[in-house]
Amino acid sequence: MKLITATPSPFARKVRVALLEKNISYEEIIDIPWNLNTKTNGINPLGKIPILLLKDQEPMFDSKVINQYLDYLEPNPLLYPRSFQENISARLLETVADGICDSVVLVFLENSRNKNLRSKNWIKRQEKKIFEGVEYLSNYLKDKQFFVGNSFSIADISCFSCLEYIDLRFPKFEWKNRYKNLNKYWNIHKIRDSFKKTKPKTQIIEPIQD
């Protein structure tokens, strides 16, 4: 089993955390999907990571698809709750967290363009999604230790990865100061082994010229 990943990616991190939580061994292949020589060519038609490569099977991509597959492959621990309501809640939180990360990526890429090509309106639209998305996470969490139910789930993997990705790519937000409950949550879970081993790191992408 091989995983094509990128060191800053919150989407790839979700899969890396899941593999560690389930104690599934795998080979990690580091990539920069924005660069011309990306390893995604010919593997994922969307040119995105993560991509899970399995022997005698077609490549599997998208973190949601991969992590659901991992739950079938190794259901201990189960990341998507069995309870119908908790399962829907966890998926909803995963969707919000992923959407926030998408907007952070778009802001980062827009700011990577030449200054005269950047759209302030576009950046503001994406920032609004980030601000309102994190507000949603804070209101949903309240003072709980876990986002859904009484155990660690895909909701926690997604939301924690999202928050640390904001720290990496959008630090001016300073969510730790704005949302004390999210900061408390982060302090509880930051010592988790799977999070410590997958902390995001920046990569240098090729400049966007036009």
Foldseek 3Di string as FASTA:
>chain_A
DEKEDAQLDLLSLLLLLLCVQLVPDYHYHHFDLQAPPTPCVPQDPVSDDTWDDDPPDRIDGTSVRNSVVVCVVRVVPPAQDPDPVLNVQLVVLLVLLVLLVVLLVVLLQLVLEDPVPHDPVSNVVSVVSNVVSVVVQLVQCPQHLESGDPDHHSSCSSNLSSVLSCCVRPVVVVVVVVRVSVVVNNVVCCPPPSNVVSRGDDDDYDGDYD
